Amino acid sequence: MSTIASELNLILLGPPGAGKGTQADRLREDFPLAYIATGDMLREARAQGTDLGAQAQEHMDRGDLVPDEVVIGIALERLSADDARDGFLLDGFPRTVPQADALSEEMANLGRRITAVLLVDVPDEEIVRRISGRRVSKAGRTYHVEYDPPKHPGRCDVDGTPLEQREDDKPEVVLARLKKYHQATSPLIDYYEKQGLLRHFDGSLPPVEVHDKIRATLATLRLEDEL
């Protein structure tokens, strides 16, 4: 079997609150994949003091989005690291079609390819319900008004302190985040759909079922590569 066929090079897409983190953790347990999340990647570049990391820091200090060319440069550097050479799981990159084009070009130059793009999708109303229902204690313990309520409404089970809703979890903020997600991600969904790389998964199912479906899909893709 060729090196290309044996690798699992995956991209994880999905709205905030879809359960991507849970699926990423499970995939990393299943396969020896380097997990590369955009936030972690940018922080590493800044901590290492690279030129690209310094450029990213300047933009973030001003409250600006980090430009595509900087994100692309950092991502491609990260993909050349030893732990990513046998497979990776990208989360948060690419975010735009130019980023996706740069990734495809780099993979082709390296004689590698993307195995699949995993879209864990959940309806907006369910995302709002999931995120806006979260409540947090001062000590950081998390509850949910529907799915994991405290024994006494509005109070932490452990220390009895009042539970609060974080600003980021308020419905209007969640809806604004979802709007940005759809604006940024819809072109990517079309982009990878046309390439035959996109695989849809219903993130409203229990996490174990989502994981089982992803594993089955990856097993089928690997079998097809071997034929």
Protein backbone atom coordinates (compact mmCIF):
# COMPACT_ATOMS: atom_id res chain seq x y z
CA MET A 1 0.00 0.00 0.00
CA SER A 2 1.33 3.46 -0.88
CA THR A 3 2.22 6.16 1.62
CA ILE A 4 -0.61 8.32 0.31
CA ALA A 5 -3.14 5.54 0.87
CA SER A 6 -1.89 4.69 4.36
CA GLU A 7 -2.11 8.26 5.66
CA LEU A 8 -5.19 9.75 7.26
CA ASN A 9 -5.13 13.47 6.56
CA LEU A 10 -8.42 14.85 7.83
CA ILE A 11 -10.16 18.21 8.09
CA LEU A 12 -12.86 18.70 10.72
CA LEU A 13 -15.66 21.16 10.00
CA GLY A 14 -18.72 22.11 12.02
CA PRO A 15 -20.39 24.93 13.90
CA PRO A 16 -19.49 25.88 17.48
CA GLY A 17 -21.23 23.47 19.83
CA ALA A 18 -21.47 20.64 17.28
CA GLY A 19 -19.22 18.36 19.32
CA LYS A 20 -16.11 18.60 17.13
CA GLY A 21 -13.84 18.54 20.18
CA THR A 22 -15.35 15.28 21.39
CA GLN A 23 -14.95 13.68 17.97
CA ALA A 24 -11.38 14.99 17.66
CA ASP A 25 -10.47 13.39 21.01
CA ARG A 26 -11.94 10.06 19.93
CA LEU A 27 -10.21 10.10 16.56
CA ARG A 28 -6.89 10.79 18.24
CA GLU A 29 -7.47 7.75 20.45
CA ASP A 30 -8.23 5.65 17.36
CA PHE A 31 -5.41 6.82 15.11
CA PRO A 32 -1.90 8.32 15.55
CA LEU A 33 -2.93 11.72 14.20
CA ALA A 34 -1.39 15.09 14.94
CA TYR A 35 -4.25 17.31 16.13
CA ILE A 36 -3.77 20.80 14.70
CA ALA A 37 -6.25 23.41 15.92
CA THR A 38 -5.92 26.96 14.64
CA GLY A 39 -5.81 28.58 18.09
CA ASP A 40 -3.14 26.17 19.35
CA MET A 41 -1.17 26.59 16.15
CA LEU A 42 -1.10 30.38 16.44
CA ARG A 43 -0.16 30.24 20.12
CA GLU A 44 2.71 27.83 19.38
CA ALA A 45 4.04 30.08 16.62
CA ARG A 46 3.94 33.10 18.96
CA ALA A 47 5.60 31.18 21.80
CA GLN A 48 8.38 29.96 19.50
CA GLY A 49 9.06 33.53 18.40
CA THR A 50 8.92 32.79 14.67
CA ASP A 51 8.57 35.65 12.19
CA LEU A 52 5.10 34.47 11.26
CA GLY A 53 4.20 34.14 14.93
CA ALA A 54 5.28 37.73 15.53
CA GLN A 55 3.17 38.90 12.59
CA ALA A 56 0.16 37.04 13.94
CA GLN A 57 0.71 38.61 17.37
CA GLU A 58 0.72 42.11 15.89
CA HIS A 59 -2.66 41.58 14.25
CA MET A 60 -4.20 39.98 17.33
CA ASP A 61 -2.89 42.77 19.58
CA ARG A 62 -4.79 45.23 17.40
CA GLY A 63 -7.90 43.07 17.55
CA ASP A 64 -7.67 42.30 13.84
CA LEU A 65 -8.14 38.98 12.10
CA VAL A 66 -4.86 37.32 11.20
CA PRO A 67 -4.50 37.61 7.39
CA ASP A 68 -4.75 34.51 5.22
CA GLU A 69 -1.11 34.65 4.16
CA VAL A 70 0.09 34.57 7.79
CA VAL A 71 -2.29 31.77 8.82
CA ILE A 72 -1.34 29.79 5.72
CA GLY A 73 2.37 30.19 6.43
CA ILE A 74 1.99 29.04 10.04
CA ALA A 75 -0.24 26.11 9.05
CA LEU A 76 2.13 24.87 6.37
CA GLU A 77 5.06 25.10 8.79
CA ARG A 78 3.06 23.08 11.33
CA LEU A 79 2.17 20.41 8.77
CA SER A 80 5.88 19.86 8.06
CA ALA A 81 6.55 18.90 11.69
CA ASP A 82 7.56 15.29 12.38
CA ASP A 83 4.35 14.38 14.22
CA ALA A 84 2.19 15.37 11.22
CA ARG A 85 4.04 13.40 8.58
CA ASP A 86 2.03 10.20 9.08
CA GLY A 87 -1.36 11.88 9.34
CA PHE A 88 -3.14 14.86 10.85
CA LEU A 89 -6.49 16.21 11.93
CA LEU A 90 -7.02 19.90 11.12
CA ASP A 91 -9.59 21.82 13.16
CA GLY A 92 -10.20 25.46 12.24
CA PHE A 93 -7.99 25.45 9.16
CA PRO A 94 -8.70 26.08 6.37
CA ARG A 95 -11.30 28.78 7.12
CA THR A 96 -11.42 30.35 3.66
CA VAL A 97 -11.19 29.16 0.05
CA PRO A 98 -7.74 30.81 -0.44
CA GLN A 99 -6.53 28.89 2.62
CA ALA A 100 -7.99 25.68 1.17
CA ASP A 101 -6.29 26.37 -2.18
CA ALA A 102 -2.93 26.89 -0.44
CA LEU A 103 -3.35 23.67 1.53
CA SER A 104 -4.21 21.68 -1.62
CA GLU A 105 -1.19 23.09 -3.45
CA GLU A 106 1.16 22.29 -0.57
CA MET A 107 -0.19 18.75 -0.22
CA ALA A 108 0.30 18.17 -3.95
CA ASN A 109 3.86 19.49 -3.73
CA LEU A 110 4.55 17.00 -0.92
CA GLY A 111 2.97 14.10 -2.79
CA ARG A 112 0.24 13.85 -0.17
CA ARG A 113 -3.49 14.44 -0.22
CA ILE A 114 -6.47 15.13 2.01
CA THR A 115 -8.26 11.88 2.85
CA ALA A 116 -11.61 13.39 3.82
CA VAL A 117 -13.32 16.49 5.17
CA LEU A 118 -15.58 15.55 8.09
CA LEU A 119 -18.56 17.89 8.50
CA VAL A 120 -20.26 17.42 11.88
CA ASP A 121 -23.44 19.38 11.33
CA VAL A 122 -26.13 20.41 13.81
CA PRO A 123 -29.19 22.67 13.17
CA ASP A 124 -28.78 26.23 14.41
CA GLU A 125 -31.69 25.94 16.86
CA GLU A 126 -30.05 22.93 18.52
CA ILE A 127 -26.71 24.75 18.72
CA VAL A 128 -28.40 27.70 20.43
CA ARG A 129 -30.13 25.32 22.86
CA ARG A 130 -26.88 23.53 23.66
CA ILE A 131 -24.74 26.61 24.21
CA SER A 132 -27.23 29.04 25.74
CA GLY A 133 -28.33 26.41 28.26
CA ARG A 134 -24.87 26.19 29.83
CA ARG A 135 -24.36 27.55 33.32
CA VAL A 136 -21.03 27.86 35.11
CA SER A 137 -20.07 28.14 38.77
CA LYS A 138 -17.37 30.50 40.04
CA ALA A 139 -15.08 27.46 40.38
CA GLY A 140 -15.63 26.58 36.72
CA ARG A 141 -18.03 23.66 37.13
CA THR A 142 -20.36 23.42 34.15
CA TYR A 143 -24.04 22.46 34.09
CA HIS A 144 -26.84 22.61 31.52
CA VAL A 145 -30.39 23.66 32.29
CA GLU A 146 -31.80 20.80 30.17
CA TYR A 147 -29.14 18.11 29.72
CA ASP A 148 -27.23 18.27 33.01
CA PRO A 149 -29.16 20.44 35.50
CA PRO A 150 -27.95 21.06 39.06
CA LYS A 151 -29.90 19.46 41.90
CA HIS A 152 -31.04 22.92 43.03
CA PRO A 153 -31.86 25.35 40.20
CA GLY A 154 -29.25 28.06 39.75
CA ARG A 155 -26.89 26.65 42.41
CA CYS A 156 -23.70 24.61 42.14
CA ASP A 157 -24.08 21.07 43.52
CA VAL A 158 -20.65 21.21 45.17
CA ASP A 159 -20.39 24.60 46.88
CA GLY A 160 -23.88 26.08 46.50
CA THR A 161 -22.64 29.23 44.76
CA PRO A 162 -24.84 30.87 42.10
CA LEU A 163 -24.49 29.63 38.54
CA GLU A 164 -24.01 32.16 35.77
CA GLN A 165 -24.44 32.29 32.03
CA ARG A 166 -21.28 33.46 30.30
CA GLU A 167 -21.59 36.37 27.88
CA ASP A 168 -20.41 34.17 25.01
CA ASP A 169 -23.22 31.71 25.76
CA LYS A 170 -26.10 34.17 25.46
CA PRO A 171 -28.46 33.37 22.55
CA GLU A 172 -27.83 36.60 20.65
CA VAL A 173 -24.05 36.05 20.83
CA VAL A 174 -24.39 32.43 19.74
CA LEU A 175 -26.53 33.47 16.78
CA ALA A 176 -23.92 36.06 15.75
CA ARG A 177 -21.19 33.41 15.93
CA LEU A 178 -23.31 31.05 13.84
CA LYS A 179 -23.87 33.74 11.23
CA LYS A 180 -20.10 34.23 10.90
CA TYR A 181 -19.58 30.47 10.76
CA HIS A 182 -22.07 30.03 7.93
CA GLN A 183 -20.60 32.94 5.98
CA ALA A 184 -17.08 31.55 6.28
CA THR A 185 -17.82 27.83 5.99
CA SER A 186 -20.48 27.59 3.27
CA PRO A 187 -17.93 28.24 0.48
CA LEU A 188 -15.65 25.58 1.98
CA ILE A 189 -18.48 23.04 2.07
CA ASP A 190 -19.13 23.65 -1.63
CA TYR A 191 -15.39 23.59 -2.36
CA TYR A 192 -14.82 20.17 -0.81
CA GLU A 193 -18.16 18.77 -1.98
CA LYS A 194 -17.12 19.42 -5.59
CA GLN A 195 -13.84 17.58 -4.94
CA GLY A 196 -15.70 14.56 -3.57
CA LEU A 197 -13.95 14.90 -0.20
CA LEU A 198 -16.83 16.04 2.02
CA ARG A 199 -18.53 13.57 4.34
CA HIS A 200 -21.64 14.66 6.29
CA PHE A 201 -22.37 13.50 9.84
CA ASP A 202 -25.44 14.31 11.93
CA GLY A 203 -24.01 15.95 15.05
CA SER A 204 -27.41 15.90 16.76
CA LEU A 205 -26.98 12.15 17.30
CA PRO A 206 -25.33 10.88 20.50
CA PRO A 207 -21.51 11.35 20.35
CA VAL A 208 -20.90 7.57 20.35
CA GLU A 209 -23.08 7.16 17.25
CA VAL A 210 -21.36 10.04 15.47
CA HIS A 211 -17.99 8.48 16.27
CA ASP A 212 -19.09 5.06 15.00
CA LYS A 213 -20.26 6.57 11.71
CA ILE A 214 -17.01 8.49 11.26
CA ARG A 215 -14.96 5.35 11.95
CA ALA A 216 -17.04 3.35 9.48
CA THR A 217 -16.55 6.03 6.82
CA LEU A 218 -12.79 6.12 7.34
CA ALA A 219 -12.60 2.31 7.23
CA THR A 220 -14.44 2.35 3.88
CA LEU A 221 -12.12 5.03 2.49
CA ARG A 222 -9.05 3.05 3.51
CA LEU A 223 -10.47 -0.12 1.95
CA GLU A 224 -11.13 1.74 -1.30
CA ASP A 225 -7.52 2.99 -1.30
CA GLU A 226 -6.23 -0.55 -0.98
CA LEU A 227 -8.21 -1.84 -3.97
